[in-house]
Amino acid sequence: PAQQKVKGMQGELWPLLIKMFNEIRKQQPWCEEIVESTIWQMTWMVRRRLHSSQITPDPRRTSAGHAEIVRKVDEYIKGNLNKSISLTELAEAVYVSRFYLDHVFTKVVGVPPLRYALQLRMEQAKKLLAEGSLNVYQVAHKMGFEDPYYFSRQFKKIAGASPKQFQKKFQR
């Protein structure tokens, strides 16, 4: 998943690579410093891209191990937004017990992992509904909900409006 987030950066990184190779080839004064600063610039660009779509745990409330568990769970959830995920499945993905995962994730993020997953799925559903090309049933199916009525109830709890009401707002 981290590779996928960085994948589209060739256009930004390629000119910097060419700049570095030209500096190395020409060997002008301060060449090493320019190459080093270019490497740093590329590193920070990649880190910014990786950071932009991840949870940033509060360092006062978490240890490095907890942060890693949360990062991996976040990555797993975002990679599986189109299906229902169980707590057991998440726990197995990060090699901890369900109870420990629930405790750590809730402590760091502020909501239980399954609630967090549902919120992300509903955010994606909002985008699909706003586009207007799919009806509620199709969006529910695409987001991995077998029962469109259950999807509608969950959507209303989170969005404050039914999926149809939400979609009508964007059709005007």
C-alpha atoms as a PDB file:
ATOM      1  CA  PRO A   1       0.000   0.000   0.000  1.00  0.00           C
ATOM      2  CA  ALA A   2       2.802   2.477   0.702  1.00  0.00           C
ATOM      3  CA  GLN A   3       4.159   1.748  -2.783  1.00  0.00           C
ATOM      4  CA  GLN A   4       0.748   2.582  -4.256  1.00  0.00           C
ATOM      5  CA  LYS A   5       0.696   5.963  -2.480  1.00  0.00           C
ATOM      6  CA  VAL A   6       4.108   6.876  -3.895  1.00  0.00           C
ATOM      7  CA  LYS A   7       3.484   5.335  -7.305  1.00  0.00           C
ATOM      8  CA  GLY A   8       2.238   8.476  -9.079  1.00  0.00           C
ATOM      9  CA  MET A   9       5.220  10.625  -8.094  1.00  0.00           C
ATOM     10  CA  GLN A  10       7.458   9.996 -11.141  1.00  0.00           C
ATOM     11  CA  GLY A  11       6.568  13.398 -12.589  1.00  0.00           C
ATOM     12  CA  GLU A  12       7.724  15.139  -9.420  1.00  0.00           C
ATOM     13  CA  LEU A  13      10.801  13.012  -8.721  1.00  0.00           C
ATOM     14  CA  TRP A  14      12.168  12.482 -12.222  1.00  0.00           C
ATOM     15  CA  PRO A  15      13.320  16.116 -12.773  1.00  0.00           C
ATOM     16  CA  LEU A  16      15.137  15.989  -9.433  1.00  0.00           C
ATOM     17  CA  LEU A  17      16.891  12.740 -10.417  1.00  0.00           C
ATOM     18  CA  ILE A  18      18.012  14.322 -13.692  1.00  0.00           C
ATOM     19  CA  LYS A  19      19.280  17.346 -11.750  1.00  0.00           C
ATOM     20  CA  MET A  20      21.307  15.038  -9.486  1.00  0.00           C
ATOM     21  CA  PHE A  21      22.804  13.074 -12.380  1.00  0.00           C
ATOM     22  CA  ASN A  22      23.781  16.303 -14.157  1.00  0.00           C
ATOM     23  CA  GLU A  23      25.480  17.602 -10.995  1.00  0.00           C
ATOM     24  CA  ILE A  24      27.383  14.345 -10.567  1.00  0.00           C
ATOM     25  CA  ARG A  25      28.418  14.299 -14.239  1.00  0.00           C
ATOM     26  CA  LYS A  26      29.645  17.938 -14.284  1.00  0.00           C
ATOM     27  CA  GLN A  27      31.448  17.783 -10.911  1.00  0.00           C
ATOM     28  CA  GLN A  28      31.245  21.549 -10.372  1.00  0.00           C
ATOM     29  CA  PRO A  29      31.986  23.211  -7.007  1.00  0.00           C
ATOM     30  CA  TRP A  30      29.432  22.371  -4.304  1.00  0.00           C
ATOM     31  CA  CYS A  31      28.243  19.370  -6.331  1.00  0.00           C
ATOM     32  CA  GLU A  32      28.014  17.089  -3.267  1.00  0.00           C
ATOM     33  CA  GLU A  33      25.957  19.601  -1.304  1.00  0.00           C
ATOM     34  CA  ILE A  34      23.521  20.080  -4.181  1.00  0.00           C
ATOM     35  CA  VAL A  35      23.122  16.320  -4.625  1.00  0.00           C
ATOM     36  CA  GLU A  36      22.609  15.842  -0.885  1.00  0.00           C
ATOM     37  CA  SER A  37      19.999  18.615  -0.704  1.00  0.00           C
ATOM     38  CA  THR A  38      18.195  17.135  -3.720  1.00  0.00           C
ATOM     39  CA  ILE A  39      18.076  13.729  -2.016  1.00  0.00           C
ATOM     40  CA  TRP A  40      16.626  15.378   1.086  1.00  0.00           C
ATOM     41  CA  GLN A  41      14.057  17.199  -1.029  1.00  0.00           C
ATOM     42  CA  MET A  42      12.982  13.917  -2.666  1.00  0.00           C
ATOM     43  CA  THR A  43      12.807  12.199   0.729  1.00  0.00           C
ATOM     44  CA  TRP A  44      10.538  14.874   2.188  1.00  0.00           C
ATOM     45  CA  MET A  45       8.299  14.827  -0.885  1.00  0.00           C
ATOM     46  CA  VAL A  46       7.794  11.062  -0.497  1.00  0.00           C
ATOM     47  CA  ARG A  47       7.245  11.373   3.254  1.00  0.00           C
ATOM     48  CA  ARG A  48       4.657  14.103   2.679  1.00  0.00           C
ATOM     49  CA  ARG A  49       2.784  11.859   0.240  1.00  0.00           C
ATOM     50  CA  LEU A  50       2.847   8.926   2.652  1.00  0.00           C
ATOM     51  CA  HIS A  51       1.763  11.091   5.568  1.00  0.00           C
ATOM     52  CA  SER A  52      -1.118  12.781   3.778  1.00  0.00           C
ATOM     53  CA  SER A  53      -3.343   9.714   3.883  1.00  0.00           C
ATOM     54  CA  GLN A  54      -2.424   8.183   7.207  1.00  0.00           C
ATOM     55  CA  ILE A  55      -3.548   8.526  10.772  1.00  0.00           C
ATOM     56  CA  THR A  56      -1.111  10.488  12.899  1.00  0.00           C
ATOM     57  CA  PRO A  57      -1.299   9.024  16.385  1.00  0.00           C
ATOM     58  CA  ASP A  58      -1.005  11.406  19.322  1.00  0.00           C
ATOM     59  CA  PRO A  59       2.530  10.724  20.666  1.00  0.00           C
ATOM     60  CA  ARG A  60       1.387  11.536  24.224  1.00  0.00           C
ATOM     61  CA  ARG A  61      -1.121   8.674  24.120  1.00  0.00           C
ATOM     62  CA  THR A  62       0.825   5.965  22.348  1.00  0.00           C
ATOM     63  CA  SER A  63       4.048   4.005  22.199  1.00  0.00           C
ATOM     64  CA  ALA A  64       5.970   3.199  19.027  1.00  0.00           C
ATOM     65  CA  GLY A  65       4.478  -0.302  19.042  1.00  0.00           C
ATOM     66  CA  HIS A  66       0.955   1.044  19.342  1.00  0.00           C
ATOM     67  CA  ALA A  67       1.568   3.538  16.543  1.00  0.00           C
ATOM     68  CA  GLU A  68       2.787   0.725  14.298  1.00  0.00           C
ATOM     69  CA  ILE A  69      -0.305  -1.383  15.033  1.00  0.00           C
ATOM     70  CA  VAL A  70      -2.572   1.582  14.253  1.00  0.00           C
ATOM     71  CA  ARG A  71      -0.656   2.361  11.051  1.00  0.00           C
ATOM     72  CA  LYS A  72      -0.949  -1.229   9.826  1.00  0.00           C
ATOM     73  CA  VAL A  73      -4.650  -1.437  10.689  1.00  0.00           C
ATOM     74  CA  ASP A  74      -5.302   1.883   8.943  1.00  0.00           C
ATOM     75  CA  GLU A  75      -3.468   0.628   5.865  1.00  0.00           C
ATOM     76  CA  TYR A  76      -5.402  -2.653   5.904  1.00  0.00           C
ATOM     77  CA  ILE A  77      -8.768  -0.920   6.271  1.00  0.00           C
ATOM     78  CA  LYS A  78      -8.018   1.553   3.472  1.00  0.00           C
ATOM     79  CA  GLY A  79      -6.971  -1.324   1.227  1.00  0.00           C
ATOM     80  CA  ASN A  80     -10.270  -3.137   1.884  1.00  0.00           C
ATOM     81  CA  LEU A  81     -12.863  -0.352   1.900  1.00  0.00           C
ATOM     82  CA  ASN A  82     -15.142  -2.258  -0.433  1.00  0.00           C
ATOM     83  CA  LYS A  83     -15.803  -5.094   1.979  1.00  0.00           C
ATOM     84  CA  SER A  84     -16.960  -5.718   5.495  1.00  0.00           C
ATOM     85  CA  ILE A  85     -14.058  -6.409   7.849  1.00  0.00           C
ATOM     86  CA  SER A  86     -14.285  -8.228  11.160  1.00  0.00           C
ATOM     87  CA  LEU A  87     -12.268  -7.432  14.257  1.00  0.00           C
ATOM     88  CA  THR A  88     -10.807 -10.946  14.060  1.00  0.00           C
ATOM     89  CA  GLU A  89      -9.636 -10.293  10.498  1.00  0.00           C
ATOM     90  CA  LEU A  90      -7.983  -7.022  11.533  1.00  0.00           C
ATOM     91  CA  ALA A  91      -6.324  -8.621  14.554  1.00  0.00           C
ATOM     92  CA  GLU A  92      -4.952 -11.451  12.428  1.00  0.00           C
ATOM     93  CA  ALA A  93      -3.572  -8.924   9.928  1.00  0.00           C
ATOM     94  CA  VAL A  94      -1.438  -7.310  12.655  1.00  0.00           C
ATOM     95  CA  TYR A  95      -0.777 -10.470  14.732  1.00  0.00           C
ATOM     96  CA  VAL A  96      -2.433  -9.377  17.982  1.00  0.00           C
ATOM     97  CA  SER A  97      -5.568 -10.459  19.831  1.00  0.00           C
ATOM     98  CA  ARG A  98      -8.913  -8.858  19.030  1.00  0.00           C
ATOM     99  CA  PHE A  99      -9.170  -7.438  22.540  1.00  0.00           C
ATOM    100  CA  TYR A 100      -5.686  -5.925  22.481  1.00  0.00           C
ATOM    101  CA  LEU A 101      -6.271  -4.436  19.035  1.00  0.00           C
ATOM    102  CA  ASP A 102      -9.590  -2.922  20.085  1.00  0.00           C
ATOM    103  CA  HIS A 103      -8.009  -1.446  23.219  1.00  0.00           C
ATOM    104  CA  VAL A 104      -4.908  -0.016  21.487  1.00  0.00           C
ATOM    105  CA  PHE A 105      -6.742   1.370  18.456  1.00  0.00           C
ATOM    106  CA  THR A 106      -9.458   2.997  20.559  1.00  0.00           C
ATOM    107  CA  LYS A 107      -6.858   4.501  22.904  1.00  0.00           C
ATOM    108  CA  VAL A 108      -4.786   5.976  20.062  1.00  0.00           C
ATOM    109  CA  VAL A 109      -7.442   6.973  17.519  1.00  0.00           C
ATOM    110  CA  GLY A 110     -10.373   7.665  19.808  1.00  0.00           C
ATOM    111  CA  VAL A 111     -12.833   5.286  18.127  1.00  0.00           C
ATOM    112  CA  PRO A 112     -12.887   1.483  17.862  1.00  0.00           C
ATOM    113  CA  PRO A 113     -11.386   0.021  14.681  1.00  0.00           C
ATOM    114  CA  LEU A 114     -14.675  -1.230  13.227  1.00  0.00           C
ATOM    115  CA  ARG A 115     -16.315   2.163  13.767  1.00  0.00           C
ATOM    116  CA  TYR A 116     -13.320   3.811  12.089  1.00  0.00           C
ATOM    117  CA  ALA A 117     -13.607   1.369   9.162  1.00  0.00           C
ATOM    118  CA  LEU A 118     -17.326   2.111   8.830  1.00  0.00           C
ATOM    119  CA  GLN A 119     -16.653   5.860   8.838  1.00  0.00           C
ATOM    120  CA  LEU A 120     -14.100   5.480   6.034  1.00  0.00           C
ATOM    121  CA  ARG A 121     -16.480   3.280   4.029  1.00  0.00           C
ATOM    122  CA  MET A 122     -19.222   5.875   4.413  1.00  0.00           C
ATOM    123  CA  GLU A 123     -16.875   8.668   3.289  1.00  0.00           C
ATOM    124  CA  GLN A 124     -16.201   6.657   0.153  1.00  0.00           C
ATOM    125  CA  ALA A 125     -19.942   6.029  -0.253  1.00  0.00           C
ATOM    126  CA  LYS A 126     -20.554   9.792  -0.007  1.00  0.00           C
ATOM    127  CA  LYS A 127     -18.139  10.365  -2.886  1.00  0.00           C
ATOM    128  CA  LEU A 128     -19.870   7.733  -5.015  1.00  0.00           C
ATOM    129  CA  LEU A 129     -23.309   9.131  -4.232  1.00  0.00           C
ATOM    130  CA  ALA A 130     -22.167  12.690  -4.981  1.00  0.00           C
ATOM    131  CA  GLU A 131     -20.928  11.610  -8.413  1.00  0.00           C
ATOM    132  CA  GLY A 132     -24.516  10.604  -9.174  1.00  0.00           C
ATOM    133  CA  SER A 133     -23.751   7.828 -11.654  1.00  0.00           C
ATOM    134  CA  LEU A 134     -24.772   5.035  -9.240  1.00  0.00           C
ATOM    135  CA  ASN A 135     -27.995   4.524  -7.325  1.00  0.00           C
ATOM    136  CA  VAL A 136     -28.103   3.735  -3.597  1.00  0.00           C
ATOM    137  CA  TYR A 137     -28.335  -0.024  -4.160  1.00  0.00           C
ATOM    138  CA  GLN A 138     -25.283   0.029  -6.459  1.00  0.00           C
ATOM    139  CA  VAL A 139     -23.265   2.119  -4.002  1.00  0.00           C
ATOM    140  CA  ALA A 140     -24.204  -0.221  -1.146  1.00  0.00           C
ATOM    141  CA  HIS A 141     -23.123  -3.216  -3.210  1.00  0.00           C
ATOM    142  CA  LYS A 142     -19.904  -1.534  -4.328  1.00  0.00           C
ATOM    143  CA  MET A 143     -19.027  -0.746  -0.703  1.00  0.00           C
ATOM    144  CA  GLY A 144     -19.522  -4.387   0.296  1.00  0.00           C
ATOM    145  CA  PHE A 145     -22.938  -4.155   1.959  1.00  0.00           C
ATOM    146  CA  GLU A 146     -25.131  -7.137   1.143  1.00  0.00           C
ATOM    147  CA  ASP A 147     -28.232  -5.447   2.561  1.00  0.00           C
ATOM    148  CA  PRO A 148     -28.967  -1.990   1.089  1.00  0.00           C
ATOM    149  CA  TYR A 149     -31.361  -1.240   3.972  1.00  0.00           C
ATOM    150  CA  TYR A 150     -28.602  -1.849   6.517  1.00  0.00           C
ATOM    151  CA  PHE A 151     -26.318   0.371   4.419  1.00  0.00           C
ATOM    152  CA  SER A 152     -28.967   3.125   4.423  1.00  0.00           C
ATOM    153  CA  ARG A 153     -29.422   2.956   8.206  1.00  0.00           C
ATOM    154  CA  GLN A 154     -25.662   3.100   8.823  1.00  0.00           C
ATOM    155  CA  PHE A 155     -25.239   5.898   6.293  1.00  0.00           C
ATOM    156  CA  LYS A 156     -27.958   7.979   7.976  1.00  0.00           C
ATOM    157  CA  LYS A 157     -26.341   7.489  11.407  1.00  0.00           C
ATOM    158  CA  ILE A 158     -23.009   8.794  10.140  1.00  0.00           C
ATOM    159  CA  ALA A 159     -24.019  11.343   7.486  1.00  0.00           C
ATOM    160  CA  GLY A 160     -27.156  12.645   9.172  1.00  0.00           C
ATOM    161  CA  ALA A 161     -29.230  12.102   6.033  1.00  0.00           C
ATOM    162  CA  SER A 162     -30.386   9.094   4.065  1.00  0.00           C
ATOM    163  CA  PRO A 163     -28.312   8.165   1.007  1.00  0.00           C
ATOM    164  CA  LYS A 164     -31.123   9.340  -1.295  1.00  0.00           C
ATOM    165  CA  GLN A 165     -31.388  12.694   0.496  1.00  0.00           C
ATOM    166  CA  PHE A 166     -27.612  13.056   0.355  1.00  0.00           C
ATOM    167  CA  GLN A 167     -27.523  12.256  -3.345  1.00  0.00           C
ATOM    168  CA  LYS A 168     -30.373  14.694  -4.142  1.00  0.00           C
ATOM    169  CA  LYS A 169     -28.340  17.535  -2.582  1.00  0.00           C
ATOM    170  CA  PHE A 170     -25.630  16.980  -5.182  1.00  0.00           C
ATOM    171  CA  GLN A 171     -27.977  16.558  -8.126  1.00  0.00           C
ATOM    172  CA  ARG A 172     -29.289  20.118  -7.807  1.00  0.00           C
END
